[in-house]
Every structure is written in C-alpha cells, then in structure tokens.
Amino acid sequence: MKLGNPKNTIEVIQKYDFDFQKKFGQNFLIDERVLEKIISAAEVNKDDFVLEIGPGIGTMTQYLAENAREVMAVEIDKNLIPILSEIVEEKNGGKPVKVVANLPYYITTPIIMGLFESHVPIDSITVMVQKEVADRMQSGPGTKDYGALSLAVQYYAEPYVVANVPPNCFMPR
C-alpha cells in the first residue's frame, strides 16, 4: 500500500490509532507528485545509500527504498547527530551519503547545522522545510533574513528551491 495519498495515510493512522504530536511538529506528506519531485531533486539512484531523517510513518521511505540501494531511516531524537558518523561508516564504508528529510520547523536549524558540523561524508541534502526557512537559507548579506543559518548553508552548499508545496499536501494541513 502506497502512503503518498490521503486515503492510505488515513487508513494507516486509524489502524494504529495514531495521534499527531504537535510538540514534534508532525505533518505527513500526502501528495505523490511532491514525493516524486523530492526523489528526483535528490537524484536518488540504485548506487545510493540514503539517510532519511524523521521518516514518520514511512511515506517517503517507500519512495526512497524503490530508488536507492539502501535506506537508513532514523526518527529524530536528541541523540541523532552524535551517532550519524558511526551509522554512515558502518553502513556505507565511509562513502558519501544522500540525506533526505521532511523537517519540522523547530528542529530544522539544529539538524542542518549538525549535519554540516558532523564531518559525515555527505553527497547532498534534500530537505523539505517551511518556506520562511528556505528563504532564509538563500538570503544574502545585508538582508534582514541573513544570519547564521544562511551563512552556514551557503558556506557548505548551494541552496535552491525545488518546489513550493501547499498546505493541502500535508496531513494535518
């Protein structure tokens, strides 16, 4: 069963009597076109080991697993960043990984900064974030949104927006 649509997501949520945790910023993606755009933008292929941060119920995990050699899905907790190096070394022989994540607002900056500072060999990071955060990542010096996140992202990477995703593509909206 594909989870990338509202009907199947509702079915799984009801089956497991799942309650969304507002404190964890949980929103599940329910649009197959957006999921396919993410996989395409991340350029995931059968040679790739993908680290998925915050898999939720596994919606994107399904798409990643169909396209990658291997997927390691890690649910976010405060111990995530220190164990990244160990996971990557053990599972991928130290070769660069692709990171894919749908990040809740409250944890976006710590996760992204942690990835950059972890010295884990990373090929690419494809993240879904709130529009304001994406704008901040691309802000230049002298603008009101420019700050530590902008500086770090632009130092380590070349940020660009793949797509704007409307609220109706998420559950809850």
C-alpha atoms as a PDB file:
ATOM      1  CA  MET A   1       0.000   0.000   0.000  1.00  0.00           C
ATOM      2  CA  LYS A   2       1.419   3.402  -1.061  1.00  0.00           C
ATOM      3  CA  LEU A   3       1.246   6.007   1.692  1.00  0.00           C
ATOM      4  CA  GLY A   4       1.626   9.001  -0.634  1.00  0.00           C
ATOM      5  CA  ASN A   5      -2.096   9.712  -0.778  1.00  0.00           C
ATOM      6  CA  PRO A   6      -4.686  10.821   1.802  1.00  0.00           C
ATOM      7  CA  LYS A   7      -6.845   7.673   1.737  1.00  0.00           C
ATOM      8  CA  ASN A   8      -3.985   5.276   2.514  1.00  0.00           C
ATOM      9  CA  THR A   9      -2.434   7.600   5.090  1.00  0.00           C
ATOM     10  CA  ILE A  10      -5.756   7.907   6.933  1.00  0.00           C
ATOM     11  CA  GLU A  11      -6.134   4.119   6.815  1.00  0.00           C
ATOM     12  CA  VAL A  12      -2.725   3.566   8.436  1.00  0.00           C
ATOM     13  CA  ILE A  13      -3.269   6.299  11.035  1.00  0.00           C
ATOM     14  CA  GLN A  14      -6.619   4.781  12.013  1.00  0.00           C
ATOM     15  CA  LYS A  15      -5.296   1.218  12.010  1.00  0.00           C
ATOM     16  CA  TYR A  16      -2.602   2.138  14.531  1.00  0.00           C
ATOM     17  CA  ASP A  17      -4.758   4.678  16.404  1.00  0.00           C
ATOM     18  CA  PHE A  18      -2.045   7.284  15.833  1.00  0.00           C
ATOM     19  CA  ASP A  19      -2.295  10.774  17.362  1.00  0.00           C
ATOM     20  CA  PHE A  20      -0.267  13.611  15.841  1.00  0.00           C
ATOM     21  CA  GLN A  21       2.165  15.131  18.327  1.00  0.00           C
ATOM     22  CA  LYS A  22       2.137  18.896  17.946  1.00  0.00           C
ATOM     23  CA  LYS A  23       5.317  19.168  20.048  1.00  0.00           C
ATOM     24  CA  PHE A  24       7.170  17.120  17.397  1.00  0.00           C
ATOM     25  CA  GLY A  25       5.788  19.192  14.523  1.00  0.00           C
ATOM     26  CA  GLN A  26       4.410  16.095  12.818  1.00  0.00           C
ATOM     27  CA  ASN A  27       2.901  16.537   9.363  1.00  0.00           C
ATOM     28  CA  PHE A  28       2.761  13.694   6.851  1.00  0.00           C
ATOM     29  CA  LEU A  29       3.148  14.348   3.148  1.00  0.00           C
ATOM     30  CA  ILE A  30       0.149  13.105   1.155  1.00  0.00           C
ATOM     31  CA  ASP A  31       0.939  14.125  -2.409  1.00  0.00           C
ATOM     32  CA  GLU A  32       2.614  11.581  -4.705  1.00  0.00           C
ATOM     33  CA  ARG A  33       3.767  14.257  -7.190  1.00  0.00           C
ATOM     34  CA  VAL A  34       5.642  16.101  -4.435  1.00  0.00           C
ATOM     35  CA  LEU A  35       7.255  12.869  -3.232  1.00  0.00           C
ATOM     36  CA  GLU A  36       8.404  12.100  -6.779  1.00  0.00           C
ATOM     37  CA  LYS A  37       9.820  15.653  -7.108  1.00  0.00           C
ATOM     38  CA  ILE A  38      11.823  15.169  -3.915  1.00  0.00           C
ATOM     39  CA  ILE A  39      13.288  11.844  -5.107  1.00  0.00           C
ATOM     40  CA  SER A  40      14.096  13.388  -8.478  1.00  0.00           C
ATOM     41  CA  ALA A  41      15.692  16.506  -6.947  1.00  0.00           C
ATOM     42  CA  ALA A  42      17.812  14.352  -4.633  1.00  0.00           C
ATOM     43  CA  GLU A  43      18.896  12.344  -7.714  1.00  0.00           C
ATOM     44  CA  VAL A  44      18.496   9.111  -5.755  1.00  0.00           C
ATOM     45  CA  ASN A  45      19.568   6.039  -7.726  1.00  0.00           C
ATOM     46  CA  LYS A  46      20.406   2.365  -7.145  1.00  0.00           C
ATOM     47  CA  ASP A  47      24.017   3.208  -6.158  1.00  0.00           C
ATOM     48  CA  ASP A  48      22.945   5.441  -3.282  1.00  0.00           C
ATOM     49  CA  PHE A  49      22.820   4.917   0.452  1.00  0.00           C
ATOM     50  CA  VAL A  50      20.218   7.386   1.751  1.00  0.00           C
ATOM     51  CA  LEU A  51      19.864   8.617   5.306  1.00  0.00           C
ATOM     52  CA  GLU A  52      16.273   9.696   5.904  1.00  0.00           C
ATOM     53  CA  ILE A  53      15.761  11.840   8.970  1.00  0.00           C
ATOM     54  CA  GLY A  54      12.316  11.754  10.547  1.00  0.00           C
ATOM     55  CA  PRO A  55      10.558   9.088   8.472  1.00  0.00           C
ATOM     56  CA  GLY A  56       7.251   9.425  10.328  1.00  0.00           C
ATOM     57  CA  ILE A  57       5.060   6.568   9.091  1.00  0.00           C
ATOM     58  CA  GLY A  58       7.411   5.805   6.197  1.00  0.00           C
ATOM     59  CA  THR A  59       5.721   7.676   3.344  1.00  0.00           C
ATOM     60  CA  MET A  60       8.911   8.974   1.744  1.00  0.00           C
ATOM     61  CA  THR A  61      10.799   5.898   2.906  1.00  0.00           C
ATOM     62  CA  GLN A  62       8.790   3.804   0.444  1.00  0.00           C
ATOM     63  CA  TYR A  63       9.805   6.028  -2.466  1.00  0.00           C
ATOM     64  CA  LEU A  64      13.425   6.135  -1.348  1.00  0.00           C
ATOM     65  CA  ALA A  65      13.581   2.344  -0.958  1.00  0.00           C
ATOM     66  CA  GLU A  66      12.298   1.853  -4.509  1.00  0.00           C
ATOM     67  CA  ASN A  67      15.023   4.090  -5.918  1.00  0.00           C
ATOM     68  CA  ALA A  68      18.080   3.693  -3.643  1.00  0.00           C
ATOM     69  CA  ARG A  69      20.457   0.817  -2.922  1.00  0.00           C
ATOM     70  CA  GLU A  70      19.768   1.143   0.795  1.00  0.00           C
ATOM     71  CA  VAL A  71      17.830   3.470   3.095  1.00  0.00           C
ATOM     72  CA  MET A  72      18.543   4.080   6.760  1.00  0.00           C
ATOM     73  CA  ALA A  73      15.550   5.808   8.335  1.00  0.00           C
ATOM     74  CA  VAL A  74      16.247   7.497  11.676  1.00  0.00           C
ATOM     75  CA  GLU A  75      13.493   9.058  13.720  1.00  0.00           C
ATOM     76  CA  ILE A  76      14.609  12.368  15.202  1.00  0.00           C
ATOM     77  CA  ASP A  77      15.721  12.471  18.814  1.00  0.00           C
ATOM     78  CA  LYS A  78      18.395  14.370  20.696  1.00  0.00           C
ATOM     79  CA  ASN A  79      20.917  11.564  20.200  1.00  0.00           C
ATOM     80  CA  LEU A  80      20.759  11.627  16.391  1.00  0.00           C
ATOM     81  CA  ILE A  81      23.687  13.844  15.470  1.00  0.00           C
ATOM     82  CA  PRO A  82      26.390  12.101  17.572  1.00  0.00           C
ATOM     83  CA  ILE A  83      25.568   8.695  16.068  1.00  0.00           C
ATOM     84  CA  LEU A  84      25.491   9.837  12.417  1.00  0.00           C
ATOM     85  CA  SER A  85      29.206   9.270  11.856  1.00  0.00           C
ATOM     86  CA  GLU A  86      29.025   5.751  13.233  1.00  0.00           C
ATOM     87  CA  ILE A  87      25.975   4.825  11.153  1.00  0.00           C
ATOM     88  CA  VAL A  88      27.477   6.119   7.917  1.00  0.00           C
ATOM     89  CA  GLU A  89      30.853   4.492   8.447  1.00  0.00           C
ATOM     90  CA  GLU A  90      29.268   1.160   9.342  1.00  0.00           C
ATOM     91  CA  LYS A  91      26.653   1.091   6.576  1.00  0.00           C
ATOM     92  CA  ASN A  92      28.365   2.776   3.639  1.00  0.00           C
ATOM     93  CA  GLY A  93      32.088   2.240   4.080  1.00  0.00           C
ATOM     94  CA  GLY A  94      32.671   5.957   4.547  1.00  0.00           C
ATOM     95  CA  LYS A  95      31.400   6.862   1.056  1.00  0.00           C
ATOM     96  CA  PRO A  96      29.238   9.998   0.801  1.00  0.00           C
ATOM     97  CA  VAL A  97      25.537   9.609   1.556  1.00  0.00           C
ATOM     98  CA  LYS A  98      22.464  11.475   0.395  1.00  0.00           C
ATOM     99  CA  VAL A  99      20.330  12.914   3.176  1.00  0.00           C
ATOM    100  CA  VAL A 100      16.591  13.351   2.591  1.00  0.00           C
ATOM    101  CA  ALA A 101      14.211  14.730   5.204  1.00  0.00           C
ATOM    102  CA  ASN A 102      10.898  16.448   5.846  1.00  0.00           C
ATOM    103  CA  LEU A 103      11.954  18.572   8.820  1.00  0.00           C
ATOM    104  CA  PRO A 104       9.638  20.146  11.393  1.00  0.00           C
ATOM    105  CA  TYR A 105      10.248  23.875  11.899  1.00  0.00           C
ATOM    106  CA  TYR A 106      11.540  23.650  15.465  1.00  0.00           C
ATOM    107  CA  ILE A 107      14.366  21.222  14.636  1.00  0.00           C
ATOM    108  CA  THR A 108      15.382  22.402  11.147  1.00  0.00           C
ATOM    109  CA  THR A 109      18.343  24.598  12.095  1.00  0.00           C
ATOM    110  CA  PRO A 110      19.885  22.191  14.671  1.00  0.00           C
ATOM    111  CA  ILE A 111      19.634  19.250  12.253  1.00  0.00           C
ATOM    112  CA  ILE A 112      21.103  21.116   9.279  1.00  0.00           C
ATOM    113  CA  MET A 113      23.887  22.658  11.353  1.00  0.00           C
ATOM    114  CA  GLY A 114      24.542  19.268  12.953  1.00  0.00           C
ATOM    115  CA  LEU A 115      24.856  17.614   9.547  1.00  0.00           C
ATOM    116  CA  PHE A 116      27.353  20.238   8.363  1.00  0.00           C
ATOM    117  CA  GLU A 117      29.401  20.051  11.564  1.00  0.00           C
ATOM    118  CA  SER A 118      29.332  16.248  11.922  1.00  0.00           C
ATOM    119  CA  HIS A 119      32.005  15.622   9.270  1.00  0.00           C
ATOM    120  CA  VAL A 120      29.848  12.799   7.914  1.00  0.00           C
ATOM    121  CA  PRO A 121      30.673  12.425   4.207  1.00  0.00           C
ATOM    122  CA  ILE A 122      27.556  13.902   2.570  1.00  0.00           C
ATOM    123  CA  ASP A 123      26.894  13.973  -1.172  1.00  0.00           C
ATOM    124  CA  SER A 124      23.688  16.018  -0.933  1.00  0.00           C
ATOM    125  CA  ILE A 125      20.998  17.167   1.489  1.00  0.00           C
ATOM    126  CA  THR A 126      17.434  17.431   0.182  1.00  0.00           C
ATOM    127  CA  VAL A 127      15.085  18.781   2.825  1.00  0.00           C
ATOM    128  CA  MET A 128      11.531  19.962   2.970  1.00  0.00           C
ATOM    129  CA  VAL A 129      11.327  22.986   5.248  1.00  0.00           C
ATOM    130  CA  GLN A 130       8.924  25.847   5.852  1.00  0.00           C
ATOM    131  CA  LYS A 131       9.083  28.489   3.134  1.00  0.00           C
ATOM    132  CA  GLU A 132      10.486  31.099   5.536  1.00  0.00           C
ATOM    133  CA  VAL A 133      13.391  28.787   6.390  1.00  0.00           C
ATOM    134  CA  ALA A 134      14.101  28.074   2.710  1.00  0.00           C
ATOM    135  CA  ASP A 135      14.100  31.827   2.048  1.00  0.00           C
ATOM    136  CA  ARG A 136      16.485  32.374   4.971  1.00  0.00           C
ATOM    137  CA  MET A 137      18.865  29.691   3.654  1.00  0.00           C
ATOM    138  CA  GLN A 138      19.186  31.629   0.388  1.00  0.00           C
ATOM    139  CA  SER A 139      19.337  35.176   1.846  1.00  0.00           C
ATOM    140  CA  GLY A 140      22.396  37.246   1.073  1.00  0.00           C
ATOM    141  CA  PRO A 141      24.455  39.506   3.337  1.00  0.00           C
ATOM    142  CA  GLY A 142      22.761  42.776   4.209  1.00  0.00           C
ATOM    143  CA  THR A 143      19.211  41.400   4.035  1.00  0.00           C
ATOM    144  CA  LYS A 144      17.013  41.106   7.132  1.00  0.00           C
ATOM    145  CA  ASP A 145      16.828  37.295   6.837  1.00  0.00           C
ATOM    146  CA  TYR A 146      20.606  36.798   6.615  1.00  0.00           C
ATOM    147  CA  GLY A 147      22.062  35.063   9.651  1.00  0.00           C
ATOM    148  CA  ALA A 148      23.955  32.036  10.959  1.00  0.00           C
ATOM    149  CA  LEU A 149      21.785  29.564   9.012  1.00  0.00           C
ATOM    150  CA  SER A 150      22.225  31.489   5.727  1.00  0.00           C
ATOM    151  CA  LEU A 151      25.968  31.724   6.241  1.00  0.00           C
ATOM    152  CA  ALA A 152      26.407  28.027   7.123  1.00  0.00           C
ATOM    153  CA  VAL A 153      24.192  26.702   4.332  1.00  0.00           C
ATOM    154  CA  GLN A 154      25.878  28.892   1.727  1.00  0.00           C
ATOM    155  CA  TYR A 155      29.340  28.024   3.043  1.00  0.00           C
ATOM    156  CA  TYR A 156      28.773  24.257   2.835  1.00  0.00           C
ATOM    157  CA  ALA A 157      26.269  24.013  -0.021  1.00  0.00           C
ATOM    158  CA  GLU A 158      24.481  25.685  -2.925  1.00  0.00           C
ATOM    159  CA  PRO A 159      20.872  26.048  -1.756  1.00  0.00           C
ATOM    160  CA  TYR A 160      17.990  26.154  -4.209  1.00  0.00           C
ATOM    161  CA  VAL A 161      14.237  25.632  -4.043  1.00  0.00           C
ATOM    162  CA  VAL A 162      12.901  22.579  -5.876  1.00  0.00           C
ATOM    163  CA  ALA A 163       9.204  23.299  -5.308  1.00  0.00           C
ATOM    164  CA  ASN A 164       6.740  25.222  -3.186  1.00  0.00           C
ATOM    165  CA  VAL A 165       4.397  22.750  -1.513  1.00  0.00           C
ATOM    166  CA  PRO A 166       0.937  23.989  -0.462  1.00  0.00           C
ATOM    167  CA  PRO A 167      -0.629  23.129   2.940  1.00  0.00           C
ATOM    168  CA  ASN A 168      -3.189  20.748   1.389  1.00  0.00           C
ATOM    169  CA  CYS A 169      -0.329  18.341   0.558  1.00  0.00           C
ATOM    170  CA  PHE A 170       0.060  17.569   4.273  1.00  0.00           C
ATOM    171  CA  MET A 171      -1.899  15.814   6.979  1.00  0.00           C
ATOM    172  CA  PRO A 172      -2.730  17.652   9.132  1.00  0.00           C
ATOM    173  CA  ARG A 173      -2.724  20.739   6.862  1.00  0.00           C
END
